[in-house]
Amino acid sequence: MSETATKTKVQFDGKYIAKLTITLLAITVVTSFLLSLVYTVTKPTIDALNEQTRQESMLAVMADATEFSEVQFTETTGVIGVNAAYNGTDLLGYCVQVEPTSGFGGAISMMVGVSTDGAVTGVSILSHEETAGLGTKAMTEEFLGQYVGRTGTLTVKTGADTDIQHITGATVTSSAVTDGVNIALAFIAEGGVN
C-alpha cells in the first residue's frame, strides 16, 4: 500500500506578518533605548570607579609617591598608560599600566611600578578573569611580592635569580603576570617615556 504525498499550500496572511514584524521592531527599539539609557546613566559611575582603582593601584606600586602625572609615551604592545610618580619634585619612577597576553581566563590588566633605576617597585592587578582558587592565587601579595626589586627579563621557573616561582596549577596565569612585568620593565629600559 503506497501513500501519496499531498502537497499542502501554505498561505501567508500579510496582515499577520506585518503585525508581527511591527511588534518585533517595537520591542527591539524599546530594548535598545533602555540599554542605551542604562549605559548613559551608569557610565560616569563606572568610569569613576575605574579611575579610583587605577589611582589606588598606582599608590600600591609606588608607595612613597605623593603625586602622579600622566606622561606621553611611545606606543608599545601591551602598554596602555604611563604615569610618572613624584615625591615632591623628586621623580621616583613610573607606573606602567599593561595588559599582557591572556591568562587562563582572559586578559589580565595590571599596574607595574618601575623605579628610575629600572627595578620593580610593585605589581597590582587591576582586573582579571582567572579561575577562583587557582588563578586568583597569582593575584595575592605573596605571589606579586616576588617581583619587587627585580630587574631585567624575568622567567617563570625555578633556579636563577631572575626566576619567578609559579603558582602550582596556575602556570598560565603566573606566566601572563610575568609577561606583563617584563613588558613594563622593557618599556622603561628602552626609553618608552617621551
Protein backbone atom coordinates (compact mmCIF):
# COMPACT_ATOMS: atom_id res chain seq x y z
CA MET A 1 0.00 0.00 0.00
CA SER A 2 1.54 3.27 -1.03
CA GLU A 3 0.67 6.59 0.35
CA THR A 4 0.55 9.50 -1.92
CA ALA A 5 2.10 12.58 -0.50
CA THR A 6 -0.11 15.54 -0.83
CA LYS A 7 1.35 18.93 -1.09
CA THR A 8 -0.25 21.49 1.08
CA LYS A 9 -0.05 25.05 0.02
CA VAL A 10 0.67 27.37 2.90
CA GLN A 11 -0.96 30.71 2.67
CA PHE A 12 0.54 33.64 4.45
CA ASP A 13 -1.63 36.27 5.98
CA GLY A 14 0.00 39.58 5.07
CA LYS A 15 -1.69 41.47 7.92
CA TYR A 16 -0.46 38.93 10.49
CA ILE A 17 3.13 39.09 9.19
CA ALA A 18 3.06 42.90 9.16
CA LYS A 19 1.69 42.98 12.73
CA LEU A 20 4.34 40.52 13.90
CA THR A 21 7.12 42.49 12.18
CA ILE A 22 5.98 45.80 13.70
CA THR A 23 5.72 44.20 17.16
CA LEU A 24 9.25 42.76 16.96
CA LEU A 25 10.61 46.06 15.65
CA ALA A 26 8.94 47.96 18.51
CA ILE A 27 10.38 45.56 21.09
CA THR A 28 13.86 45.94 19.55
CA VAL A 29 13.64 49.76 19.54
CA VAL A 30 12.39 49.96 23.13
CA THR A 31 15.05 47.49 24.35
CA SER A 32 17.81 49.38 22.54
CA PHE A 33 16.61 52.66 24.04
CA LEU A 34 16.52 51.20 27.56
CA LEU A 35 20.01 49.69 27.18
CA SER A 36 21.45 53.00 25.97
CA LEU A 37 19.71 54.81 28.83
CA VAL A 38 21.20 52.41 31.41
CA TYR A 39 24.64 52.79 29.79
CA THR A 40 24.38 56.60 29.84
CA VAL A 41 23.33 56.64 33.50
CA THR A 42 25.93 54.12 34.73
CA LYS A 43 28.96 55.12 32.59
CA PRO A 44 30.10 58.04 34.80
CA THR A 45 29.96 55.83 37.90
CA ILE A 46 31.85 53.01 36.20
CA ASP A 47 34.48 55.45 34.89
CA ALA A 48 34.89 56.96 38.37
CA LEU A 49 35.32 53.52 39.95
CA ASN A 50 37.86 52.52 37.29
CA GLU A 51 39.82 55.73 37.90
CA GLN A 52 39.71 55.16 41.68
CA THR A 53 41.03 51.61 41.17
CA ARG A 54 43.80 52.96 38.92
CA GLN A 55 44.80 55.60 41.49
CA GLU A 56 44.82 53.04 44.31
CA SER A 57 46.94 50.71 42.17
CA MET A 58 49.47 53.47 41.47
CA LEU A 59 49.76 54.13 45.20
CA ALA A 60 50.16 50.41 45.83
CA VAL A 61 53.05 50.05 43.37
CA MET A 62 54.75 53.36 44.22
CA ALA A 63 54.05 53.78 47.94
CA ASP A 64 56.29 56.83 48.54
CA ALA A 65 54.69 58.87 45.75
CA THR A 66 52.71 61.97 46.64
CA GLU A 67 51.74 62.90 43.09
CA PHE A 68 51.19 61.18 39.77
CA SER A 69 51.38 62.83 36.38
CA GLU A 70 50.24 61.25 33.12
CA VAL A 71 53.06 61.26 30.58
CA GLN A 72 53.31 60.89 26.84
CA PHE A 73 54.74 57.57 25.78
CA THR A 74 55.75 55.69 22.69
CA GLU A 75 53.03 53.23 21.78
CA THR A 76 54.21 49.75 22.62
CA THR A 77 52.32 46.47 22.52
CA GLY A 78 50.83 45.84 25.93
CA VAL A 79 51.37 49.33 27.41
CA ILE A 80 48.09 51.21 27.73
CA GLY A 81 49.05 54.03 30.10
CA VAL A 82 52.02 55.59 31.90
CA ASN A 83 52.20 57.94 34.87
CA ALA A 84 55.30 59.50 36.41
CA ALA A 85 55.42 59.14 40.19
CA TYR A 86 56.81 62.03 42.25
CA ASN A 87 57.55 62.68 45.88
CA GLY A 88 57.55 66.44 45.88
CA THR A 89 59.76 67.32 42.92
CA ASP A 90 61.75 64.06 43.01
CA LEU A 91 60.91 61.58 40.25
CA LEU A 92 60.59 58.15 41.86
CA GLY A 93 59.78 56.21 38.71
CA TYR A 94 56.85 55.25 36.55
CA CYS A 95 53.56 53.43 36.97
CA VAL A 96 53.04 51.47 33.77
CA GLN A 97 49.58 50.09 33.06
CA VAL A 98 49.86 46.95 30.96
CA GLU A 99 47.53 44.38 29.55
CA PRO A 100 49.71 41.39 28.74
CA THR A 101 48.95 38.22 26.88
CA SER A 102 45.90 36.45 28.17
CA GLY A 103 45.93 34.40 31.29
CA PHE A 104 43.92 31.20 31.54
CA GLY A 105 40.59 33.04 31.82
CA GLY A 106 41.28 36.11 29.68
CA ALA A 107 43.18 39.38 29.73
CA ILE A 108 44.90 40.47 32.92
CA SER A 109 45.21 44.22 33.34
CA MET A 110 47.85 45.35 35.84
CA MET A 111 49.84 48.29 37.12
CA VAL A 112 53.60 47.83 37.41
CA GLY A 113 55.78 50.30 39.29
CA VAL A 114 59.30 50.73 37.89
CA SER A 115 61.85 52.90 39.70
CA THR A 116 64.19 55.32 37.93
CA ASP A 117 66.94 52.69 38.21
CA GLY A 118 64.78 50.10 36.39
CA ALA A 119 63.69 47.91 39.31
CA VAL A 120 60.13 46.76 40.00
CA THR A 121 58.65 48.64 42.97
CA GLY A 122 55.36 46.77 42.97
CA VAL A 123 52.69 44.99 40.95
CA SER A 124 48.94 45.48 41.34
CA ILE A 125 46.23 43.66 39.42
CA LEU A 126 43.51 45.97 38.05
CA SER A 127 41.27 43.33 36.51
CA HIS A 128 41.31 39.66 35.58
CA GLU A 129 39.02 36.75 34.77
CA GLU A 130 41.10 33.95 36.24
CA THR A 131 39.70 30.85 37.90
CA ALA A 132 38.79 31.36 41.54
CA GLY A 133 41.00 29.32 43.84
CA LEU A 134 43.75 28.62 41.31
CA GLY A 135 44.44 31.57 39.04
CA THR A 136 43.49 34.08 41.71
CA LYS A 137 46.41 32.84 43.84
CA ALA A 138 48.63 34.73 41.39
CA MET A 139 46.85 37.93 42.46
CA THR A 140 47.98 37.66 46.09
CA GLU A 141 50.66 39.78 47.74
CA GLU A 142 52.65 36.61 48.39
CA PHE A 143 52.97 35.92 44.65
CA LEU A 144 53.19 39.54 43.44
CA GLY A 145 55.77 40.40 46.11
CA GLN A 146 58.42 38.25 44.40
CA TYR A 147 58.68 40.83 41.59
CA VAL A 148 59.70 43.71 43.88
CA GLY A 149 63.33 44.70 43.37
CA ARG A 150 63.71 42.58 40.23
CA THR A 151 65.25 43.91 37.01
CA GLY A 152 65.91 42.52 33.55
CA THR A 153 63.86 39.82 31.90
CA LEU A 154 62.07 37.54 34.33
CA THR A 155 61.06 33.94 33.69
CA VAL A 156 58.65 31.55 35.35
CA LYS A 157 60.68 28.56 36.51
CA THR A 158 62.95 27.71 39.38
CA GLY A 159 66.65 28.13 39.82
CA ALA A 160 68.10 31.51 38.85
CA ASP A 161 67.74 34.95 40.45
CA THR A 162 65.52 36.16 37.62
CA ASP A 163 63.10 33.28 38.03
CA ILE A 164 59.60 33.70 39.44
CA GLN A 165 58.15 30.78 41.38
CA HIS A 166 54.90 29.91 39.60
CA ILE A 167 51.64 29.05 41.31
CA THR A 168 51.06 25.29 41.14
CA GLY A 169 48.07 24.67 38.89
CA ALA A 170 48.15 28.22 37.54
CA THR A 171 51.27 28.31 35.38
CA VAL A 172 49.46 30.12 32.54
CA THR A 173 48.34 32.86 34.92
CA SER A 174 51.80 33.09 36.50
CA SER A 175 53.34 33.44 33.04
CA ALA A 176 50.82 36.11 31.99
CA VAL A 177 51.60 38.23 35.06
CA THR A 178 55.33 37.80 34.44
CA ASP A 179 54.84 38.79 30.79
CA GLY A 180 53.15 41.98 31.97
CA VAL A 181 56.01 42.80 34.32
CA ASN A 182 58.53 42.12 31.54
CA ILE A 183 56.61 44.43 29.19
CA ALA A 184 56.80 47.25 31.77
CA LEU A 185 60.50 46.67 32.54
CA ALA A 186 61.46 46.56 28.86
CA PHE A 187 59.35 49.63 28.12
CA ILE A 188 61.16 51.74 30.73
CA ALA A 189 64.60 50.28 29.91
CA GLU A 190 64.14 51.08 26.22
CA GLY A 191 63.14 54.69 26.95
CA GLY A 192 59.45 54.42 26.08
CA VAL A 193 58.61 57.56 28.04
CA ASN A 194 58.84 60.75 25.97
